[in-house]
Amino acid sequence: MLETTLDAQSASDLDLLLRRCAEGDQSALRALFEAEGSRMLGVAHRLLRRSSLAEEALQDTFVLIWRRASTFDPARGDARTWIYAVLRHRALNILRGEARFDL
């Protein structure tokens, strides 16, 4: 069983978590949040400079990760890069003033 309380997940652990999210495993999404959520919030805050917007971006990002995990392709890059790209794109959309996102 995958250890979900690690502070620093390895790339292979994050790959596995994304695969499990794609299969509908909610515990994998929680483990992903526990592993990366605080760091992701910090990145979002640096990009958006407002706590409320950073929290919105983080929540939206996890919704997008949940819905799009099946599109992750480890042959194209590692899981952490993919996760932070989703966050960055969502934060940039918020900065552009888009209140909606495509699901």
Protein backbone atom coordinates (compact mmCIF):
# COMPACT_ATOMS: atom_id res chain seq x y z
CA MET A 1 0.00 0.00 0.00
CA LEU A 2 1.23 3.49 -0.85
CA GLU A 3 2.34 5.56 2.15
CA THR A 4 0.22 8.72 2.12
CA THR A 5 1.78 10.66 4.97
CA LEU A 6 5.13 11.38 3.37
CA ASP A 7 6.01 15.07 3.10
CA ALA A 8 8.09 14.59 -0.01
CA GLN A 9 6.58 12.18 -2.50
CA SER A 10 8.82 10.58 -5.07
CA ALA A 11 7.99 11.04 -8.74
CA SER A 12 6.85 7.43 -9.00
CA ASP A 13 4.52 7.91 -6.01
CA LEU A 14 2.95 10.96 -7.65
CA ASP A 15 2.60 9.03 -10.92
CA LEU A 16 0.79 6.30 -9.04
CA LEU A 17 -1.46 8.79 -7.28
CA LEU A 18 -2.45 10.34 -10.59
CA ARG A 19 -3.19 6.91 -12.07
CA ARG A 20 -5.33 6.11 -9.05
CA CYS A 21 -7.17 9.44 -9.43
CA ALA A 22 -7.86 8.54 -13.06
CA GLU A 23 -9.39 5.28 -11.80
CA GLY A 24 -11.67 7.20 -9.42
CA ASP A 25 -9.78 6.59 -6.18
CA GLN A 26 -10.69 9.51 -3.92
CA SER A 27 -8.09 8.53 -1.33
CA ALA A 28 -5.41 9.14 -3.98
CA LEU A 29 -6.63 12.70 -4.47
CA ARG A 30 -6.50 13.24 -0.71
CA ALA A 31 -2.97 11.81 -0.60
CA LEU A 32 -1.96 14.09 -3.44
CA PHE A 33 -3.40 17.07 -1.57
CA GLU A 34 -1.58 16.07 1.61
CA ALA A 35 1.68 15.63 -0.28
CA GLU A 36 1.62 18.78 -2.43
CA GLY A 37 -1.23 21.01 -1.25
CA SER A 38 0.71 23.35 1.01
CA ARG A 39 3.49 23.83 -1.54
CA MET A 40 0.92 24.39 -4.28
CA LEU A 41 -0.86 26.98 -2.15
CA GLY A 42 2.45 28.81 -1.72
CA VAL A 43 3.05 28.83 -5.47
CA ALA A 44 -0.50 30.03 -6.12
CA HIS A 45 -0.08 32.78 -3.54
CA ARG A 46 3.17 33.96 -5.15
CA LEU A 47 1.43 34.09 -8.54
CA LEU A 48 -1.83 35.68 -7.40
CA ARG A 49 -0.71 37.69 -4.34
CA ARG A 50 -4.06 37.27 -2.60
CA SER A 51 -4.90 34.45 -0.24
CA SER A 52 -8.49 34.15 -1.39
CA LEU A 53 -7.46 33.85 -5.03
CA ALA A 54 -4.70 31.39 -4.18
CA GLU A 55 -7.16 29.20 -2.30
CA GLU A 56 -9.60 29.39 -5.22
CA ALA A 57 -6.84 28.41 -7.65
CA LEU A 58 -5.82 25.49 -5.44
CA GLN A 59 -9.37 24.19 -5.15
CA ASP A 60 -9.98 24.56 -8.88
CA THR A 61 -6.68 22.83 -9.60
CA PHE A 62 -7.62 19.78 -7.56
CA VAL A 63 -10.98 19.60 -9.34
CA LEU A 64 -9.13 19.74 -12.66
CA ILE A 65 -6.60 17.13 -11.53
CA TRP A 66 -9.44 14.83 -10.50
CA ARG A 67 -11.25 15.25 -13.80
CA ARG A 68 -8.19 15.21 -16.07
CA ALA A 69 -5.87 12.74 -14.35
CA SER A 70 -6.43 10.28 -17.18
CA THR A 71 -4.72 12.73 -19.57
CA PHE A 72 -1.45 12.59 -17.64
CA ASP A 73 1.21 10.83 -19.72
CA PRO A 74 4.39 9.94 -17.81
CA ALA A 75 6.23 9.58 -21.12
CA ARG A 76 5.83 13.34 -21.64
CA GLY A 77 7.08 14.43 -18.21
CA ASP A 78 6.84 13.75 -14.52
CA ALA A 79 3.74 14.02 -12.40
CA ARG A 80 4.90 16.98 -10.32
CA THR A 81 5.55 19.02 -13.46
CA TRP A 82 2.07 18.18 -14.78
CA ILE A 83 0.40 19.04 -11.46
CA TYR A 84 2.14 22.41 -11.20
CA ALA A 85 1.39 23.18 -14.86
CA VAL A 86 -2.32 22.69 -14.12
CA LEU A 87 -1.98 25.04 -11.14
CA ARG A 88 -0.06 27.64 -13.13
CA HIS A 89 -2.57 27.64 -15.97
CA ARG A 90 -5.47 27.99 -13.54
CA ALA A 91 -3.74 30.86 -11.70
CA LEU A 92 -3.02 32.63 -14.98
CA ASN A 93 -6.67 32.27 -16.01
CA ILE A 94 -7.70 33.83 -12.71
CA LEU A 95 -5.27 36.69 -13.31
CA ARG A 96 -6.83 37.21 -16.73
CA GLY A 97 -10.18 37.54 -15.01
CA GLU A 98 -11.75 34.32 -16.18
CA ALA A 99 -14.18 33.24 -13.51
CA ARG A 100 -14.96 29.96 -15.23
CA PHE A 101 -12.88 27.02 -16.33
CA ASP A 102 -13.57 24.22 -18.74
CA LEU A 103 -14.30 20.90 -17.17
